Protein backbone atom coordinates (compact mmCIF):
# COMPACT_ATOMS: atom_id res chain seq x y z
CA THR A 1 38.90 38.23 -31.71
CA MET A 2 35.35 38.66 -30.38
CA LEU A 3 34.03 35.42 -31.88
CA PRO A 4 35.65 33.06 -29.35
CA LEU A 5 34.31 35.22 -26.50
CA LEU A 6 30.81 35.15 -27.96
CA LEU A 7 31.00 31.38 -28.31
CA LEU A 8 31.92 31.12 -24.65
CA LEU A 9 29.05 33.36 -23.57
CA LEU A 10 26.44 31.61 -25.71
CA PRO A 11 26.08 28.47 -23.54
CA ALA A 12 25.87 30.65 -20.44
CA ALA A 13 22.96 32.56 -21.96
CA HIS A 14 21.03 29.27 -22.21
CA ALA A 15 22.07 27.93 -18.84
CA ILE A 16 19.30 26.16 -16.94
CA VAL A 17 18.29 27.94 -13.75
CA LYS A 18 18.33 25.80 -10.63
CA VAL A 19 15.29 26.67 -8.49
CA GLN A 20 15.45 26.08 -4.76
CA TYR A 21 13.09 23.16 -4.48
CA ARG A 22 13.48 19.43 -3.87
CA PRO A 23 10.58 17.10 -4.73
CA ALA A 24 9.46 14.96 -1.82
CA LEU A 25 6.87 12.38 -0.84
CA THR A 26 3.71 13.93 0.53
CA GLN A 27 3.77 14.26 4.31
CA SER A 28 0.67 16.38 4.94
CA PRO A 29 -2.04 15.30 5.01
CA PRO A 30 -0.96 11.75 5.88
CA LEU A 31 -1.99 9.42 3.06
CA GLU A 32 -2.51 5.68 2.94
CA GLY A 33 -0.65 4.13 0.04
CA LEU A 34 2.01 6.83 0.01
CA THR A 35 4.20 4.21 -1.63
CA THR A 36 2.97 0.97 -3.17
CA ALA A 37 4.66 -1.73 -5.26
CA SER A 38 4.37 0.45 -8.38
CA THR A 39 3.43 4.02 -7.36
CA PHE A 40 4.33 6.86 -5.02
CA VAL A 41 2.79 10.23 -4.17
CA LEU A 42 4.60 13.57 -4.51
CA ASP A 43 3.72 17.12 -3.52
CA GLN A 44 2.93 19.34 -6.48
CA PRO A 45 5.54 22.03 -7.19
CA ARG A 46 3.38 24.96 -6.11
CA CYS A 47 4.97 28.44 -6.18
CA VAL A 48 8.18 27.07 -7.70
CA PHE A 49 8.19 28.11 -11.39
CA GLU A 50 6.33 31.40 -11.11
CA GLN A 51 8.89 33.21 -13.29
CA TYR A 52 8.27 30.82 -16.18
CA GLY A 53 4.68 31.47 -17.11
CA ASN A 54 5.05 30.12 -20.65
CA ALA A 55 6.84 26.94 -19.67
CA ASP A 56 5.65 23.35 -19.67
CA ILE A 57 6.63 21.61 -16.45
CA TRP A 58 7.65 17.97 -16.69
CA LEU A 59 8.43 15.34 -14.11
CA VAL A 60 11.62 13.38 -14.75
CA VAL A 61 11.74 9.91 -13.18
CA ALA A 62 15.13 8.23 -13.13
CA LEU A 63 16.84 5.26 -11.60
CA ASP A 64 18.86 6.44 -8.64
CA LYS A 65 22.14 5.49 -10.27
CA ALA A 66 21.23 7.25 -13.55
CA ALA A 67 19.96 10.57 -12.20
CA SER A 68 23.31 12.34 -12.41
CA THR A 69 23.72 11.48 -16.09
CA PHE A 70 20.28 12.58 -17.29
CA ASN A 71 20.42 14.81 -20.36
CA ASN A 72 18.19 17.87 -19.84
CA THR A 73 18.11 18.55 -23.57
CA ALA A 74 16.49 15.19 -24.30
CA GLY A 75 12.97 16.12 -25.31
CA PRO A 76 9.85 14.56 -23.84
CA GLY A 77 8.07 12.02 -26.03
CA THR A 78 11.25 10.87 -27.74
CA PRO A 79 12.67 7.34 -27.71
CA GLU A 80 15.38 8.61 -25.37
CA THR A 81 12.82 9.49 -22.67
CA ALA A 82 9.92 7.11 -23.45
CA PHE A 83 8.31 5.31 -20.53
CA GLN A 84 7.98 2.07 -22.50
CA GLY A 85 11.78 1.71 -22.62
CA PHE A 86 12.25 2.24 -18.88
CA PRO A 87 14.43 0.98 -17.24
CA ASP A 88 16.04 -1.47 -19.69
CA THR A 89 17.02 0.93 -22.50
CA VAL A 90 15.83 4.24 -21.02
CA PRO A 91 17.32 5.10 -17.61
CA ALA A 92 14.99 8.10 -17.12
CA TYR A 93 11.64 9.10 -18.61
CA MET A 94 9.53 12.28 -18.67
CA THR A 95 5.85 12.40 -17.72
CA LEU A 96 3.05 14.41 -16.07
CA ASN A 97 3.47 17.56 -18.13
CA ALA A 98 1.64 20.60 -16.75
CA THR A 99 1.59 24.39 -16.88
CA LEU A 100 1.44 26.99 -14.14
CA ALA A 101 -2.35 26.93 -14.51
CA ASN A 102 -2.21 23.41 -13.07
CA TYR A 103 -0.10 24.57 -10.13
CA PRO A 104 -1.72 27.86 -9.03
CA CYS A 105 -0.01 29.86 -6.32
CA PRO A 106 -1.17 30.38 -3.66
CA LYS A 107 -3.12 27.15 -3.41
CA PRO A 108 -6.89 27.66 -3.56
CA ALA A 109 -8.77 26.11 -0.64
CA GLY A 110 -9.75 22.52 -1.28
CA ASP A 111 -7.31 21.98 -4.13
CA ILE A 112 -5.66 18.59 -4.53
CA THR A 113 -1.93 19.28 -4.33
CA VAL A 114 -0.41 15.83 -4.89
CA LEU A 115 0.77 13.80 -7.86
CA ARG A 116 0.61 10.00 -7.93
CA VAL A 117 3.50 8.73 -10.02
CA GLY A 118 2.81 5.41 -11.77
CA SER A 119 -0.99 5.53 -11.75
CA GLU A 120 -1.74 4.94 -15.47
CA THR A 121 -1.96 1.29 -16.45
CA SER A 122 -3.78 1.65 -19.77
CA CYS A 123 -0.86 3.19 -21.67
CA ALA A 124 2.01 1.24 -20.14
CA GLN A 125 2.56 -0.81 -23.32
CA GLU A 126 1.28 1.81 -25.75
CA GLU A 127 4.27 3.13 -27.67
CA ALA A 128 2.14 5.96 -29.04
CA ARG A 129 2.04 7.33 -25.46
CA PRO A 130 5.75 7.74 -24.64
CA THR A 131 4.96 10.19 -21.82
CA CYS A 132 2.69 7.67 -20.08
CA ASN A 133 2.61 7.89 -16.29
CA GLY A 134 2.82 4.12 -16.13
CA PRO A 135 3.39 1.78 -13.18
CA LEU A 136 6.96 1.67 -11.97
CA PRO A 137 8.58 -1.66 -12.78
CA GLY A 138 10.24 -2.44 -9.46
CA PRO A 139 11.13 -1.20 -5.98
CA GLY A 140 13.81 1.17 -7.27
CA PRO A 141 15.23 3.25 -5.73
CA TYR A 142 14.22 6.18 -7.93
CA ARG A 143 14.92 9.91 -7.98
CA VAL A 144 12.67 12.57 -9.49
CA LYS A 145 12.92 16.24 -10.44
CA PHE A 146 10.78 18.84 -12.18
CA LEU A 147 12.04 20.37 -15.41
CA ALA A 148 10.56 23.48 -17.09
CA LEU A 149 10.72 23.73 -20.87
CA GLU A 150 9.91 26.73 -23.04
CA GLY A 151 9.22 25.09 -26.35
CA SER A 152 11.98 22.53 -26.52
CA GLU A 153 14.43 24.61 -24.49
CA PRO A 154 15.00 23.66 -20.84
CA VAL A 155 14.96 26.84 -18.74
CA ALA A 156 14.69 25.76 -15.10
CA GLU A 157 14.92 22.66 -12.97
CA THR A 158 14.60 21.59 -9.34
CA ASP A 159 17.01 19.49 -7.35
CA TRP A 160 16.71 15.72 -7.54
CA SER A 161 14.71 14.13 -4.76
CA VAL A 162 16.27 11.81 -2.24
CA PRO A 163 16.10 8.13 -3.31
CA ILE A 164 12.54 6.76 -3.19
CA THR A 165 12.12 3.02 -2.62
CA LEU A 166 8.81 1.30 -3.23
CA ARG A 167 7.28 -1.62 -1.40
CA GLU A 168 8.19 -5.07 -2.66
CA ALA A 169 5.27 -7.32 -3.56
CA LYS A 170 5.65 -10.89 -2.29
CA SER A 171 4.74 -13.82 -4.49
CA PRO A 172 2.22 -16.30 -3.00
CA SER A 173 4.86 -19.06 -2.99
CA SER A 174 7.12 -16.97 -0.75
CA ILE A 175 4.49 -16.46 1.94
CA SER A 176 5.07 -18.78 4.89
CA THR A 177 2.12 -20.96 5.89
CA THR A 178 3.72 -22.16 9.11
CA ASP A 179 1.75 -19.88 11.36
CA ARG A 180 -1.49 -20.61 9.53
CA GLY A 181 -0.97 -24.38 9.89
CA HIS A 182 -0.11 -23.94 13.53
CA SER A 183 -3.31 -22.02 14.12
CA ALA A 184 -5.41 -24.67 12.35
CA GLY A 185 -3.82 -27.38 14.48
CA MET A 186 -4.52 -25.45 17.63
CA ILE A 187 -8.14 -25.01 16.59
CA ALA A 188 -8.51 -28.76 16.00
CA ILE A 189 -6.93 -29.62 19.36
CA THR A 190 -9.11 -27.06 21.14
CA THR A 191 -12.25 -28.52 19.51
CA ILE A 192 -11.37 -32.07 20.51
CA LEU A 193 -10.63 -31.04 24.08
CA SER A 194 -13.92 -29.15 24.26
CA ILE A 195 -15.84 -32.25 23.13
CA LEU A 196 -14.03 -34.47 25.63
CA PHE A 197 -14.66 -31.97 28.41
CA ALA A 198 -18.37 -31.88 27.53
CA ILE A 199 -18.56 -35.71 27.64
CA LEU A 200 -16.72 -35.80 30.96
CA LEU A 201 -18.99 -33.15 32.43
CA ALA A 202 -22.11 -35.01 31.28
CA GLY A 203 -20.84 -38.23 32.89
CA LEU A 204 -20.07 -36.43 36.12
CA VAL A 205 -23.55 -34.92 36.26
CA ALA A 206 -25.13 -38.32 35.60
CA MET A 207 -23.05 -39.88 38.36
CA LEU A 208 -24.07 -37.22 40.86
CA VAL A 209 -27.72 -37.71 39.99
CA PHE A 210 -27.44 -41.48 40.42
CA TRP A 211 -25.69 -41.36 43.79
CA GLY A 212 -27.93 -38.65 45.12
CA LYS A 213 -31.20 -40.64 44.60
CA PRO A 214 -32.64 -42.04 47.95
CA GLU A 215 -32.68 -45.84 48.36
CA SER A 216 -36.01 -47.48 47.65
CA VAL A 217 -37.79 -48.79 50.78
CA THR A 218 -39.74 -51.93 50.53
CA VAL A 219 -42.84 -51.70 52.66
CA ARG A 220 -44.23 -54.95 53.80
CA ARG A 221 -47.73 -54.96 54.83
CA TYR A 222 -48.83 -57.43 57.42
CA ASN A 223 -52.47 -58.43 57.75
CA THR A 224 -53.56 -57.93 61.30
CA HIS A 225 -56.00 -60.51 62.43
CA HIS A 226 -58.29 -59.35 65.12
CA VAL A 227 -59.38 -62.26 67.36
CA TYR A 228 -62.81 -61.80 68.78
CA ASP A 229 -63.99 -63.88 71.73
CA GLN A 230 -66.58 -66.21 70.52
CA PRO A 231 -69.61 -66.44 72.79
CA ALA A 232 -69.76 -69.64 74.93
CA ALA A 233 -71.93 -72.38 73.67
CA ARG A 234 -75.15 -72.63 75.53
CA LEU A 235 -75.64 -75.72 77.46
């Protein structure tokens, strides 16, 4: 009669503890590139898993629609959670494993306390690196959570984050050139008008110089003949 009761209590003994923490995009200090077309930046889970000193802490990245169905018992580094299958055959992958030594509490002065998700490009296609922190394949939205494992046993987890949407990269063909063409046309028109204005101004100056020159005066010189009385002939 005790066996059924023990079977009921056994799953409860291995229940995963829900810690009161929700991963979020970094807000302080303000960062440029908080979200890009393939990455985003999270706060590190400092002072969150202090009761699990022997645990490995993993980040789970899931499609928003698949977060609720993620299997916590799926081990990291397996085909079920490999980055290289995300998101076509793997709806959620596990990456950025760490220990409490990586997340000391309280935070030492000067410590970097952020995680950039999607920053590794070298292992994105490398199947031997299933826990690769590779570039995210699209704008999402995504949800993330931290999961603590002792060995292969999940012991604690955070809440899922709110949906995180990345920036969408535009292809060159989709970028409108209307404004650029308009600006080039305006530059050409402005140049032509400037040249015409310079020609007009030069003509105006020449005209003013011409009309302002005094008329030439012809000076006629007349020879003045002085008539002297000739002395009278002597008789």
